[in-house]
Structures are given as structure tokens and as C-alpha cells.
Amino acid sequence: MAIAALVVAVLACLSILFIGARFVLAPRVALAGFGVPEGRTRALTSIKGVRDITSGVVPLVVLAVAGHEAFGWALIAAAITPIGDAVIVVTNGGSVRQALTVHVATAVVLVAVGIVLALA
């Protein structure tokens, strides 16, 4: 039973990776597949809000269940999000300064504290 659940969970993770990549590579198709009509900015900000809430909750669950070492690794993995956000800011006409001071700085902190916790 546990092996079957693990297989389903890994497949779900791979599926959400595909969906995330589709939002980056084919946003119109992804938005239509998500169920939101094109041009609905509020829907996109809501999607980002939910993503950010999840990005905070999941590592905290890892900390609670698996301890500080696994938490550190989760934080290192989570650094993908602010790095991607920095790229999005710069490639969509945003300020390089903003990308560096907000998003890249966040990624650096996540990686730095993640390494300390993972190797402690």
C-alpha cells in the first residue's frame, strides 16, 4: 500500500512540474487548461498568492515532520522559486535592481541557511 501511494505521489509531483513548465513555456495553453480566461490578471495574482502560501507551508511541514536537516534541503530546493521570479522580473521589463535586491537576495538567504541546516 505504501509503495503504491509513493508511486502516485511521485507521479503527482512530476505532473505538477510539467504543469509549472507549461505555464512558463506555453502560458496561454496553460491558462486555458487551468480554467481561467485569458486577460484575467486577478486570477494570475491569486495563483501566485496561493503558490507563495504553499511555498511557506511545505517547508514548515518538512521541519515539523523530518527535522532541521530535511528542512535545510527543502529550503535549498525552494530557492528555485525566487530565482525564477528574478528571471521573470528582468525578462518582462522589470527592474534589475528589484530582481537582485528582492528575489536573488531571497534565493541567497534560502541557500545559505539551507546549507547550514542541511549539514548541521
PDB file of N, CA and C in Angstrom:
ATOM      1  N   MET A   1       0.827  -1.198   0.000  1.00  0.00           N
ATOM      2  CA  MET A   1       0.000   0.000   0.000  1.00  0.00           C
ATOM      3  C   MET A   1       0.866   1.254   0.000  1.00  0.00           C
ATOM      4  N   ALA A   2       1.908   1.261   0.837  1.00  0.00           N
ATOM      5  CA  ALA A   2       2.782   2.438   0.912  1.00  0.00           C
ATOM      6  C   ALA A   2       3.531   2.655  -0.398  1.00  0.00           C
ATOM      7  N   ILE A   3       3.929   1.572  -1.056  1.00  0.00           N
ATOM      8  CA  ILE A   3       4.639   1.712  -2.330  1.00  0.00           C
ATOM      9  C   ILE A   3       3.711   2.308  -3.380  1.00  0.00           C
ATOM     10  N   ALA A   4       2.485   1.854  -3.425  1.00  0.00           N
ATOM     11  CA  ALA A   4       1.518   2.402  -4.380  1.00  0.00           C
ATOM     12  C   ALA A   4       1.284   3.886  -4.115  1.00  0.00           C
ATOM     13  N   ALA A   5       1.159   4.259  -2.853  1.00  0.00           N
ATOM     14  CA  ALA A   5       0.966   5.672  -2.506  1.00  0.00           C
ATOM     15  C   ALA A   5       2.182   6.488  -2.900  1.00  0.00           C
ATOM     16  N   LEU A   6       3.378   5.937  -2.693  1.00  0.00           N
ATOM     17  CA  LEU A   6       4.600   6.634  -3.073  1.00  0.00           C
ATOM     18  C   LEU A   6       4.666   6.839  -4.584  1.00  0.00           C
ATOM     19  N   VAL A   7       4.311   5.824  -5.345  1.00  0.00           N
ATOM     20  CA  VAL A   7       4.309   5.936  -6.809  1.00  0.00           C
ATOM     21  C   VAL A   7       3.328   7.019  -7.253  1.00  0.00           C
ATOM     22  N   VAL A   8       2.125   7.002  -6.700  1.00  0.00           N
ATOM     23  CA  VAL A   8       1.123   8.022  -7.053  1.00  0.00           C
ATOM     24  C   VAL A   8       1.628   9.416  -6.679  1.00  0.00           C
ATOM     25  N   ALA A   9       2.241   9.551  -5.508  1.00  0.00           N
ATOM     26  CA  ALA A   9       2.744  10.844  -5.059  1.00  0.00           C
ATOM     27  C   ALA A   9       3.859  11.356  -5.967  1.00  0.00           C
ATOM     28  N   VAL A  10       4.780  10.477  -6.342  1.00  0.00           N
ATOM     29  CA  VAL A  10       5.864  10.885  -7.247  1.00  0.00           C
ATOM     30  C   VAL A  10       5.298  11.275  -8.605  1.00  0.00           C
ATOM     31  N   LEU A  11       4.342  10.531  -9.105  1.00  0.00           N
ATOM     32  CA  LEU A  11       3.697  10.884 -10.375  1.00  0.00           C
ATOM     33  C   LEU A  11       2.995  12.239 -10.276  1.00  0.00           C
ATOM     34  N   ALA A  12       2.362  12.514  -9.133  1.00  0.00           N
ATOM     35  CA  ALA A  12       1.723  13.821  -8.926  1.00  0.00           C
ATOM     36  C   ALA A  12       2.768  14.937  -8.932  1.00  0.00           C
ATOM     37  N   CYS A  13       3.891  14.699  -8.284  1.00  0.00           N
ATOM     38  CA  CYS A  13       4.965  15.702  -8.286  1.00  0.00           C
ATOM     39  C   CYS A  13       5.480  15.949  -9.697  1.00  0.00           C
ATOM     40  N   LEU A  14       5.689  14.891 -10.453  1.00  0.00           N
ATOM     41  CA  LEU A  14       6.146  15.048 -11.835  1.00  0.00           C
ATOM     42  C   LEU A  14       5.097  15.765 -12.678  1.00  0.00           C
ATOM     43  N   SER A  15       3.833  15.476 -12.424  1.00  0.00           N
ATOM     44  CA  SER A  15       2.756  16.152 -13.158  1.00  0.00           C
ATOM     45  C   SER A  15       2.730  17.645 -12.874  1.00  0.00           C
ATOM     46  N   ILE A  16       2.893  18.029 -11.607  1.00  0.00           N
ATOM     47  CA  ILE A  16       2.863  19.459 -11.284  1.00  0.00           C
ATOM     48  C   ILE A  16       4.104  20.154 -11.827  1.00  0.00           C
ATOM     49  N   LEU A  17       5.221  19.438 -11.918  1.00  0.00           N
ATOM     50  CA  LEU A  17       6.396  20.006 -12.581  1.00  0.00           C
ATOM     51  C   LEU A  17       6.084  20.301 -14.050  1.00  0.00           C
ATOM     52  N   PHE A  18       5.407  19.373 -14.711  1.00  0.00           N
ATOM     53  CA  PHE A  18       5.002  19.573 -16.102  1.00  0.00           C
ATOM     54  C   PHE A  18       4.064  20.768 -16.228  1.00  0.00           C
ATOM     55  N   ILE A  19       3.096  20.855 -15.340  1.00  0.00           N
ATOM     56  CA  ILE A  19       2.139  21.966 -15.382  1.00  0.00           C
ATOM     57  C   ILE A  19       2.853  23.293 -15.159  1.00  0.00           C
ATOM     58  N   GLY A  20       3.772  23.334 -14.217  1.00  0.00           N
ATOM     59  CA  GLY A  20       4.541  24.550 -13.986  1.00  0.00           C
ATOM     60  C   GLY A  20       5.366  24.939 -15.195  1.00  0.00           C
ATOM     61  N   ALA A  21       6.018  23.966 -15.804  1.00  0.00           N
ATOM     62  CA  ALA A  21       6.804  24.243 -17.012  1.00  0.00           C
ATOM     63  C   ALA A  21       5.904  24.740 -18.135  1.00  0.00           C
ATOM     64  N   ARG A  22       4.712  24.194 -18.229  1.00  0.00           N
ATOM     65  CA  ARG A  22       3.780  24.638 -19.271  1.00  0.00           C
ATOM     66  C   ARG A  22       3.374  26.088 -19.057  1.00  0.00           C
ATOM     67  N   PHE A  23       3.204  26.509 -17.804  1.00  0.00           N
ATOM     68  CA  PHE A  23       2.891  27.914 -17.532  1.00  0.00           C
ATOM     69  C   PHE A  23       4.029  28.824 -17.978  1.00  0.00           C
ATOM     70  N   VAL A  24       5.265  28.351 -17.869  1.00  0.00           N
ATOM     71  CA  VAL A  24       6.415  29.149 -18.285  1.00  0.00           C
ATOM     72  C   VAL A  24       6.564  29.128 -19.807  1.00  0.00           C
ATOM     73  N   LEU A  25       6.420  27.957 -20.412  1.00  0.00           N
ATOM     74  CA  LEU A  25       6.705  27.800 -21.838  1.00  0.00           C
ATOM     75  C   LEU A  25       5.511  28.051 -22.758  1.00  0.00           C
ATOM     76  N   ALA A  26       4.313  27.792 -22.296  1.00  0.00           N
ATOM     77  CA  ALA A  26       3.105  27.964 -23.115  1.00  0.00           C
ATOM     78  C   ALA A  26       1.990  28.542 -22.245  1.00  0.00           C
ATOM     79  N   PRO A  27       2.142  29.813 -21.832  1.00  0.00           N
ATOM     80  CA  PRO A  27       1.211  30.377 -20.852  1.00  0.00           C
ATOM     81  C   PRO A  27      -0.248  30.398 -21.290  1.00  0.00           C
ATOM     82  N   ARG A  28      -0.517  30.662 -22.552  1.00  0.00           N
ATOM     83  CA  ARG A  28      -1.924  30.703 -22.998  1.00  0.00           C
ATOM     84  C   ARG A  28      -2.578  29.337 -22.885  1.00  0.00           C
ATOM     85  N   VAL A  29      -1.847  28.323 -23.314  1.00  0.00           N
ATOM     86  CA  VAL A  29      -2.363  26.953 -23.227  1.00  0.00           C
ATOM     87  C   VAL A  29      -2.559  26.569 -21.756  1.00  0.00           C
ATOM     88  N   ALA A  30      -1.575  26.914 -20.930  1.00  0.00           N
ATOM     89  CA  ALA A  30      -1.653  26.572 -19.513  1.00  0.00           C
ATOM     90  C   ALA A  30      -2.816  27.281 -18.828  1.00  0.00           C
ATOM     91  N   LEU A  31      -2.995  28.550 -19.143  1.00  0.00           N
ATOM     92  CA  LEU A  31      -4.078  29.310 -18.532  1.00  0.00           C
ATOM     93  C   LEU A  31      -5.435  28.729 -18.928  1.00  0.00           C
ATOM     94  N   ALA A  32      -5.556  28.372 -20.195  1.00  0.00           N
ATOM     95  CA  ALA A  32      -6.803  27.751 -20.653  1.00  0.00           C
ATOM     96  C   ALA A  32      -7.010  26.411 -19.944  1.00  0.00           C
ATOM     97  N   GLY A  33      -5.935  25.637 -19.803  1.00  0.00           N
ATOM     98  CA  GLY A  33      -6.027  24.354 -19.113  1.00  0.00           C
ATOM     99  C   GLY A  33      -6.343  24.510 -17.631  1.00  0.00           C
ATOM    100  N   PHE A  34      -5.927  25.625 -17.058  1.00  0.00           N
ATOM    101  CA  PHE A  34      -6.200  25.918 -15.653  1.00  0.00           C
ATOM    102  C   PHE A  34      -7.670  26.256 -15.461  1.00  0.00           C
ATOM    103  N   GLY A  35      -8.283  26.800 -16.526  1.00  0.00           N
ATOM    104  CA  GLY A  35      -9.701  27.119 -16.471  1.00  0.00           C
ATOM    105  C   GLY A  35     -10.016  28.596 -16.348  1.00  0.00           C
ATOM    106  N   VAL A  36      -8.996  29.450 -16.560  1.00  0.00           N
ATOM    107  CA  VAL A  36      -9.189  30.897 -16.434  1.00  0.00           C
ATOM    108  C   VAL A  36      -9.084  31.534 -17.822  1.00  0.00           C
ATOM    109  N   PRO A  37     -10.054  32.373 -18.193  1.00  0.00           N
ATOM    110  CA  PRO A  37      -9.965  33.041 -19.492  1.00  0.00           C
ATOM    111  C   PRO A  37      -8.748  33.966 -19.557  1.00  0.00           C
ATOM    112  N   GLU A  38      -8.202  34.108 -20.754  1.00  0.00           N
ATOM    113  CA  GLU A  38      -7.039  34.980 -20.965  1.00  0.00           C
ATOM    114  C   GLU A  38      -7.357  36.422 -20.568  1.00  0.00           C
ATOM    115  N   GLY A  39      -6.379  37.103 -20.020  1.00  0.00           N
ATOM    116  CA  GLY A  39      -6.531  38.505 -19.657  1.00  0.00           C
ATOM    117  C   GLY A  39      -7.064  38.740 -18.254  1.00  0.00           C
ATOM    118  N   ARG A  40      -7.209  37.718 -17.477  1.00  0.00           N
ATOM    119  CA  ARG A  40      -7.740  37.848 -16.112  1.00  0.00           C
ATOM    120  C   ARG A  40      -6.583  37.987 -15.121  1.00  0.00           C
ATOM    121  N   THR A  41      -6.054  39.203 -15.003  1.00  0.00           N
ATOM    122  CA  THR A  41      -4.893  39.466 -14.165  1.00  0.00           C
ATOM    123  C   THR A  41      -5.132  39.060 -12.721  1.00  0.00           C
ATOM    124  N   ARG A  42      -6.304  39.302 -12.197  1.00  0.00           N
ATOM    125  CA  ARG A  42      -6.601  38.972 -10.807  1.00  0.00           C
ATOM    126  C   ARG A  42      -6.453  37.474 -10.560  1.00  0.00           C
ATOM    127  N   ALA A  43      -6.836  36.675 -11.531  1.00  0.00           N
ATOM    128  CA  ALA A  43      -6.675  35.229 -11.381  1.00  0.00           C
ATOM    129  C   ALA A  43      -5.196  34.876 -11.263  1.00  0.00           C
ATOM    130  N   LEU A  44      -4.363  35.530 -12.057  1.00  0.00           N
ATOM    131  CA  LEU A  44      -2.929  35.240 -12.007  1.00  0.00           C
ATOM    132  C   LEU A  44      -2.316  35.658 -10.677  1.00  0.00           C
ATOM    133  N   THR A  45      -2.747  36.796 -10.136  1.00  0.00           N
ATOM    134  CA  THR A  45      -2.210  37.202  -8.832  1.00  0.00           C
ATOM    135  C   THR A  45      -2.696  36.267  -7.731  1.00  0.00           C
ATOM    136  N   SER A  46      -3.890  35.748  -7.879  1.00  0.00           N
ATOM    137  CA  SER A  46      -4.390  34.769  -6.905  1.00  0.00           C
ATOM    138  C   SER A  46      -3.589  33.472  -6.983  1.00  0.00           C
ATOM    139  N   ILE A  47      -3.274  33.043  -8.201  1.00  0.00           N
ATOM    140  CA  ILE A  47      -2.447  31.847  -8.382  1.00  0.00           C
ATOM    141  C   ILE A  47      -1.105  32.041  -7.685  1.00  0.00           C
ATOM    142  N   LYS A  48      -0.491  33.212  -7.880  1.00  0.00           N
ATOM    143  CA  LYS A  48       0.792  33.492  -7.243  1.00  0.00           C
ATOM    144  C   LYS A  48       0.652  33.520  -5.725  1.00  0.00           C
ATOM    145  N   GLY A  49      -0.411  34.089  -5.226  1.00  0.00           N
ATOM    146  CA  GLY A  49      -0.619  34.124  -3.784  1.00  0.00           C
ATOM    147  C   GLY A  49      -0.712  32.740  -3.184  1.00  0.00           C
ATOM    148  N   VAL A  50      -1.474  31.876  -3.814  1.00  0.00           N
ATOM    149  CA  VAL A  50      -1.605  30.503  -3.324  1.00  0.00           C
ATOM    150  C   VAL A  50      -0.256  29.784  -3.406  1.00  0.00           C
ATOM    151  N   ARG A  51       0.473  30.007  -4.495  1.00  0.00           N
ATOM    152  CA  ARG A  51       1.802  29.399  -4.646  1.00  0.00           C
ATOM    153  C   ARG A  51       2.724  29.842  -3.507  1.00  0.00           C
ATOM    154  N   ASP A  52       2.696  31.135  -3.187  1.00  0.00           N
ATOM    155  CA  ASP A  52       3.566  31.651  -2.132  1.00  0.00           C
ATOM    156  C   ASP A  52       3.169  31.111  -0.757  1.00  0.00           C
ATOM    157  N   ILE A  53       1.888  30.993  -0.512  1.00  0.00           N
ATOM    158  CA  ILE A  53       1.435  30.407   0.763  1.00  0.00           C
ATOM    159  C   ILE A  53       1.933  28.963   0.861  1.00  0.00           C
ATOM    160  N   THR A  54       1.770  28.215  -0.208  1.00  0.00           N
ATOM    161  CA  THR A  54       2.236  26.829  -0.240  1.00  0.00           C
ATOM    162  C   THR A  54       3.750  26.763  -0.057  1.00  0.00           C
ATOM    163  N   SER A  55       4.470  27.690  -0.673  1.00  0.00           N
ATOM    164  CA  SER A  55       5.929  27.723  -0.553  1.00  0.00           C
ATOM    165  C   SER A  55       6.383  27.972   0.877  1.00  0.00           C
ATOM    166  N   GLY A  56       5.558  28.605   1.675  1.00  0.00           N
ATOM    167  CA  GLY A  56       5.878  28.794   3.086  1.00  0.00           C
ATOM    168  C   GLY A  56       5.441  27.631   3.953  1.00  0.00           C
ATOM    169  N   VAL A  57       4.313  27.039   3.635  1.00  0.00           N
ATOM    170  CA  VAL A  57       3.768  25.958   4.459  1.00  0.00           C
ATOM    171  C   VAL A  57       4.557  24.652   4.284  1.00  0.00           C
ATOM    172  N   VAL A  58       4.872  24.288   3.053  1.00  0.00           N
ATOM    173  CA  VAL A  58       5.507  22.989   2.807  1.00  0.00           C
ATOM    174  C   VAL A  58       6.842  22.848   3.548  1.00  0.00           C
ATOM    175  N   PRO A  59       7.754  23.822   3.468  1.00  0.00           N
ATOM    176  CA  PRO A  59       8.991  23.651   4.244  1.00  0.00           C
ATOM    177  C   PRO A  59       8.753  23.573   5.750  1.00  0.00           C
ATOM    178  N   LEU A  60       7.767  24.297   6.257  1.00  0.00           N
ATOM    179  CA  LEU A  60       7.468  24.217   7.689  1.00  0.00           C
ATOM    180  C   LEU A  60       6.960  22.832   8.078  1.00  0.00           C
ATOM    181  N   VAL A  61       6.199  22.210   7.203  1.00  0.00           N
ATOM    182  CA  VAL A  61       5.754  20.831   7.448  1.00  0.00           C
ATOM    183  C   VAL A  61       6.968  19.900   7.442  1.00  0.00           C
ATOM    184  N   VAL A  62       7.880  20.109   6.498  1.00  0.00           N
ATOM    185  CA  VAL A  62       9.108  19.304   6.454  1.00  0.00           C
ATOM    186  C   VAL A  62       9.870  19.456   7.768  1.00  0.00           C
ATOM    187  N   LEU A  63       9.995  20.687   8.262  1.00  0.00           N
ATOM    188  CA  LEU A  63      10.677  20.916   9.537  1.00  0.00           C
ATOM    189  C   LEU A  63       9.982  20.159  10.669  1.00  0.00           C
ATOM    190  N   ALA A  64       8.673  20.271  10.731  1.00  0.00           N
ATOM    191  CA  ALA A  64       7.920  19.642  11.819  1.00  0.00           C
ATOM    192  C   ALA A  64       8.006  18.124  11.787  1.00  0.00           C
ATOM    193  N   VAL A  65       8.021  17.561  10.602  1.00  0.00           N
ATOM    194  CA  VAL A  65       7.954  16.112  10.470  1.00  0.00           C
ATOM    195  C   VAL A  65       9.332  15.456  10.366  1.00  0.00           C
ATOM    196  N   ALA A  66      10.263  16.124   9.691  1.00  0.00           N
ATOM    197  CA  ALA A  66      11.532  15.461   9.376  1.00  0.00           C
ATOM    198  C   ALA A  66      12.754  16.114  10.015  1.00  0.00           C
ATOM    199  N   GLY A  67      12.591  17.267  10.651  1.00  0.00           N
ATOM    200  CA  GLY A  67      13.716  17.889  11.336  1.00  0.00           C
ATOM    201  C   GLY A  67      14.474  18.898  10.500  1.00  0.00           C
ATOM    202  N   HIS A  68      15.487  19.491  11.136  1.00  0.00           N
ATOM    203  CA  HIS A  68      16.183  20.623  10.524  1.00  0.00           C
ATOM    204  C   HIS A  68      17.029  20.263   9.306  1.00  0.00           C
ATOM    205  N   GLU A  69      17.549  19.030   9.239  1.00  0.00           N
ATOM    206  CA  GLU A  69      18.362  18.663   8.071  1.00  0.00           C
ATOM    207  C   GLU A  69      17.507  18.607   6.800  1.00  0.00           C
ATOM    208  N   ALA A  70      16.376  17.925   6.874  1.00  0.00           N
ATOM    209  CA  ALA A  70      15.477  17.869   5.719  1.00  0.00           C
ATOM    210  C   ALA A  70      14.924  19.257   5.402  1.00  0.00           C
ATOM    211  N   PHE A  71      14.659  20.034   6.436  1.00  0.00           N
ATOM    212  CA  PHE A  71      14.198  21.422   6.261  1.00  0.00           C
ATOM    213  C   PHE A  71      15.220  22.210   5.456  1.00  0.00           C
ATOM    214  N   GLY A  72      16.496  22.035   5.783  1.00  0.00           N
ATOM    215  CA  GLY A  72      17.553  22.723   5.040  1.00  0.00           C
ATOM    216  C   GLY A  72      17.538  22.368   3.567  1.00  0.00           C
ATOM    217  N   TRP A  73      17.412  21.085   3.273  1.00  0.00           N
ATOM    218  CA  TRP A  73      17.353  20.663   1.865  1.00  0.00           C
ATOM    219  C   TRP A  73      16.110  21.215   1.175  1.00  0.00           C
ATOM    220  N   ALA A  74      15.004  21.257   1.881  1.00  0.00           N
ATOM    221  CA  ALA A  74      13.775  21.818   1.306  1.00  0.00           C
ATOM    222  C   ALA A  74      13.959  23.302   0.994  1.00  0.00           C
ATOM    223  N   LEU A  75      14.653  24.025   1.871  1.00  0.00           N
ATOM    224  CA  LEU A  75      14.900  25.448   1.614  1.00  0.00           C
ATOM    225  C   LEU A  75      15.800  25.644   0.407  1.00  0.00           C
ATOM    226  N   ILE A  76      16.803  24.796   0.264  1.00  0.00           N
ATOM    227  CA  ILE A  76      17.677  24.888  -0.912  1.00  0.00           C
ATOM    228  C   ILE A  76      16.858  24.667  -2.184  1.00  0.00           C
ATOM    229  N   ALA A  77      16.011  23.656  -2.172  1.00  0.00           N
ATOM    230  CA  ALA A  77      15.159  23.396  -3.338  1.00  0.00           C
ATOM    231  C   ALA A  77      14.198  24.549  -3.586  1.00  0.00           C
ATOM    232  N   ALA A  78      13.691  25.144  -2.513  1.00  0.00           N
ATOM    233  CA  ALA A  78      12.738  26.248  -2.641  1.00  0.00           C
ATOM    234  C   ALA A  78      13.364  27.498  -3.263  1.00  0.00           C
ATOM    235  N   ALA A  79      14.693  27.572  -3.276  1.00  0.00           N
ATOM    236  CA  ALA A  79      15.366  28.724  -3.878  1.00  0.00           C
ATOM    237  C   ALA A  79      15.094  28.828  -5.379  1.00  0.00           C
ATOM    238  N   ILE A  80      14.598  27.754  -5.974  1.00  0.00           N
ATOM    239  CA  ILE A  80      14.228  27.804  -7.397  1.00  0.00           C
ATOM    240  C   ILE A  80      13.177  28.893  -7.632  1.00  0.00           C
ATOM    241  N   THR A  81      12.250  29.040  -6.717  1.00  0.00           N
ATOM    242  CA  THR A  81      11.152  29.998  -6.900  1.00  0.00           C
ATOM    243  C   THR A  81      11.661  31.437  -7.009  1.00  0.00           C
ATOM    244  N   PRO A  82      12.427  31.958  -6.056  1.00  0.00           N
ATOM    245  CA  PRO A  82      12.867  33.346  -6.208  1.00  0.00           C
ATOM    246  C   PRO A  82      13.838  33.557  -7.371  1.00  0.00           C
ATOM    247  N   ILE A  83      14.608  32.526  -7.716  1.00  0.00           N
ATOM    248  CA  ILE A  83      15.477  32.654  -8.894  1.00  0.00           C
ATOM    249  C   ILE A  83      14.606  32.806 -10.140  1.00  0.00           C
ATOM    250  N   GLY A  84      13.599  31.961 -10.250  1.00  0.00           N
ATOM    251  CA  GLY A  84      12.663  32.081 -11.379  1.00  0.00           C
ATOM    252  C   GLY A  84      11.947  33.411 -11.374  1.00  0.00           C
ATOM    253  N   ASP A  85      11.560  33.885 -10.199  1.00  0.00           N
ATOM    254  CA  ASP A  85      10.897  35.188 -10.102  1.00  0.00           C
ATOM    255  C   ASP A  85      11.811  36.306 -10.589  1.00  0.00           C
ATOM    256  N   ALA A  86      13.106  36.236 -10.253  1.00  0.00           N
ATOM    257  CA  ALA A  86      14.062  37.250 -10.714  1.00  0.00           C
ATOM    258  C   ALA A  86      14.140  37.251 -12.235  1.00  0.00           C
ATOM    259  N   VAL A  87      14.197  36.076 -12.820  1.00  0.00           N
ATOM    260  CA  VAL A  87      14.240  35.970 -14.284  1.00  0.00           C
ATOM    261  C   VAL A  87      12.969  36.545 -14.898  1.00  0.00           C
ATOM    262  N   ILE A  88      11.830  36.243 -14.296  1.00  0.00           N
ATOM    263  CA  ILE A  88      10.557  36.765 -14.794  1.00  0.00           C
ATOM    264  C   ILE A  88      10.533  38.291 -14.731  1.00  0.00           C
ATOM    265  N   VAL A  89      11.001  38.855 -13.631  1.00  0.00           N
ATOM    266  CA  VAL A  89      11.023  40.315 -13.485  1.00  0.00           C
ATOM    267  C   VAL A  89      11.870  40.942 -14.592  1.00  0.00           C
ATOM    268  N   VAL A  90      13.090  40.440 -14.765  1.00  0.00           N
ATOM    269  CA  VAL A  90      14.015  41.033 -15.732  1.00  0.00           C
ATOM    270  C   VAL A  90      13.539  40.848 -17.170  1.00  0.00           C
ATOM    271  N   THR A  91      12.984  39.685 -17.481  1.00  0.00           N
ATOM    272  CA  THR A  91      12.572  39.428 -18.871  1.00  0.00           C
ATOM    273  C   THR A  91      11.217  40.029 -19.225  1.00  0.00           C
ATOM    274  N   ASN A  92      10.565  40.641 -18.250  1.00  0.00           N
ATOM    275  CA  ASN A  92       9.278  41.274 -18.520  1.00  0.00           C
ATOM    276  C   ASN A  92       9.302  42.770 -18.242  1.00  0.00           C
ATOM    277  N   GLY A  93      10.474  43.368 -18.386  1.00  0.00           N
ATOM    278  CA  GLY A  93      10.585  44.814 -18.292  1.00  0.00           C
ATOM    279  C   GLY A  93      10.730  45.352 -16.887  1.00  0.00           C
ATOM    280  N   GLY A  94      10.908  44.476 -15.913  1.00  0.00           N
ATOM    281  CA  GLY A  94      11.079  44.936 -14.539  1.00  0.00           C
ATOM    282  C   GLY A  94      12.504  45.387 -14.282  1.00  0.00           C
ATOM    283  N   SER A  95      12.705  45.926 -13.125  1.00  0.00           N
ATOM    284  CA  SER A  95      13.990  46.469 -12.722  1.00  0.00           C
ATOM    285  C   SER A  95      14.964  45.362 -12.325  1.00  0.00           C
ATOM    286  N   VAL A  96      16.173  45.444 -12.869  1.00  0.00           N
ATOM    287  CA  VAL A  96      17.224  44.508 -12.475  1.00  0.00           C
ATOM    288  C   VAL A  96      17.524  44.689 -10.988  1.00  0.00           C
ATOM    289  N   ARG A  97      17.516  45.932 -10.539  1.00  0.00           N
ATOM    290  CA  ARG A  97      17.749  46.216  -9.118  1.00  0.00           C
ATOM    291  C   ARG A  97      16.715  45.498  -8.246  1.00  0.00           C
ATOM    292  N   GLN A  98      15.463  45.586  -8.631  1.00  0.00           N
ATOM    293  CA  GLN A  98      14.392  44.905  -7.883  1.00  0.00           C
ATOM    294  C   GLN A  98      14.600  43.398  -7.910  1.00  0.00           C
ATOM    295  N   ALA A  99      14.935  42.872  -9.077  1.00  0.00           N
ATOM    296  CA  ALA A  99      15.160  41.428  -9.200  1.00  0.00           C
ATOM    297  C   ALA A  99      16.284  40.977  -8.276  1.00  0.00           C
ATOM    298  N   LEU A 100      17.359  41.777  -8.207  1.00  0.00           N
ATOM    299  CA  LEU A 100      18.503  41.403  -7.378  1.00  0.00           C
ATOM    300  C   LEU A 100      18.233  41.592  -5.894  1.00  0.00           C
ATOM    301  N   THR A 101      17.661  42.741  -5.519  1.00  0.00           N
ATOM    302  CA  THR A 101      17.508  43.054  -4.101  1.00  0.00           C
ATOM    303  C   THR A 101      16.370  42.283  -3.436  1.00  0.00           C
ATOM    304  N   VAL A 102      15.396  41.873  -4.203  1.00  0.00           N
ATOM    305  CA  VAL A 102      14.275  41.127  -3.619  1.00  0.00           C
ATOM    306  C   VAL A 102      14.437  39.627  -3.883  1.00  0.00           C
ATOM    307  N   HIS A 103      14.445  39.258  -5.135  1.00  0.00           N
ATOM    308  CA  HIS A 103      14.355  37.843  -5.495  1.00  0.00           C
ATOM    309  C   HIS A 103      15.679  37.094  -5.361  1.00  0.00           C
ATOM    310  N   VAL A 104      16.742  37.637  -5.923  1.00  0.00           N
ATOM    311  CA  VAL A 104      18.032  36.954  -5.814  1.00  0.00           C
ATOM    312  C   VAL A 104      18.497  36.944  -4.357  1.00  0.00           C
ATOM    313  N   ALA A 105      18.279  38.045  -3.644  1.00  0.00           N
ATOM    314  CA  ALA A 105      18.649  38.074  -2.218  1.00  0.00           C
ATOM    315  C   ALA A 105      17.897  37.001  -1.435  1.00  0.00           C
ATOM    316  N   THR A 106      16.630  36.811  -1.738  1.00  0.00           N
ATOM    317  CA  THR A 106      15.851  35.759  -1.082  1.00  0.00           C
ATOM    318  C   THR A 106      16.440  34.390  -1.382  1.00  0.00           C
ATOM    319  N   ALA A 107      16.795  34.153  -2.644  1.00  0.00           N
ATOM    320  CA  ALA A 107      17.388  32.868  -3.022  1.00  0.00           C
ATOM    321  C   ALA A 107      18.704  32.632  -2.293  1.00  0.00           C
ATOM    322  N   VAL A 108      19.521  33.658  -2.190  1.00  0.00           N
ATOM    323  CA  VAL A 108      20.809  33.525  -1.499  1.00  0.00           C
ATOM    324  C   VAL A 108      20.600  33.174  -0.029  1.00  0.00           C
ATOM    325  N   VAL A 109      19.653  33.835   0.610  1.00  0.00           N
ATOM    326  CA  VAL A 109      19.368  33.535   2.018  1.00  0.00           C
ATOM    327  C   VAL A 109      18.865  32.095   2.166  1.00  0.00           C
ATOM    328  N   LEU A 110      17.941  31.673   1.300  1.00  0.00           N
ATOM    329  CA  LEU A 110      17.419  30.311   1.370  1.00  0.00           C
ATOM    330  C   LEU A 110      18.537  29.273   1.219  1.00  0.00           C
ATOM    331  N   VAL A 111      19.414  29.501   0.250  1.00  0.00           N
ATOM    332  CA  VAL A 111      20.509  28.555   0.027  1.00  0.00           C
ATOM    333  C   VAL A 111      21.477  28.572   1.209  1.00  0.00           C
ATOM    334  N   ALA A 112      21.835  29.756   1.688  1.00  0.00           N
ATOM    335  CA  ALA A 112      22.805  29.872   2.790  1.00  0.00           C
ATOM    336  C   ALA A 112      22.291  29.190   4.052  1.00  0.00           C
ATOM    337  N   VAL A 113      21.072  29.533   4.475  1.00  0.00           N
ATOM    338  CA  VAL A 113      20.548  28.908   5.704  1.00  0.00           C
ATOM    339  C   VAL A 113      20.224  27.441   5.463  1.00  0.00           C
ATOM    340  N   GLY A 114      19.826  27.109   4.244  1.00  0.00           N
ATOM    341  CA  GLY A 114      19.556  25.715   3.910  1.00  0.00           C
ATOM    342  C   GLY A 114      20.801  24.851   4.042  1.00  0.00           C
ATOM    343  N   ILE A 115      21.928  25.367   3.553  1.00  0.00           N
ATOM    344  CA  ILE A 115      23.188  24.618   3.668  1.00  0.00           C
ATOM    345  C   ILE A 115      23.562  24.427   5.133  1.00  0.00           C
ATOM    346  N   VAL A 116      23.468  25.485   5.915  1.00  0.00           N
ATOM    347  CA  VAL A 116      23.787  25.393   7.347  1.00  0.00           C
ATOM    348  C   VAL A 116      22.911  24.336   8.024  1.00  0.00           C
ATOM    349  N   LEU A 117      21.608  24.390   7.769  1.00  0.00           N
ATOM    350  CA  LEU A 117      20.688  23.438   8.406  1.00  0.00           C
ATOM    351  C   LEU A 117      20.864  22.018   7.888  1.00  0.00           C
ATOM    352  N   ALA A 118      21.077  21.865   6.575  1.00  0.00           N
ATOM    353  CA  ALA A 118      21.209  20.540   5.987  1.00  0.00           C
ATOM    354  C   ALA A 118      22.473  19.836   6.460  1.00  0.00           C
ATOM    355  N   LEU A 119      23.502  20.604   6.706  1.00  0.00           N
ATOM    356  CA  LEU A 119      24.790  19.999   7.078  1.00  0.00           C
ATOM    357  C   LEU A 119      25.058  20.025   8.577  1.00  0.00           C
ATOM    358  N   ALA A 120      24.097  20.542   9.349  1.00  0.00           N
ATOM    359  CA  ALA A 120      24.296  20.645  10.804  1.00  0.00           C
ATOM    360  C   ALA A 120      24.126  19.310  11.498  1.00  0.00           C
TER     361      ALA A 120
END
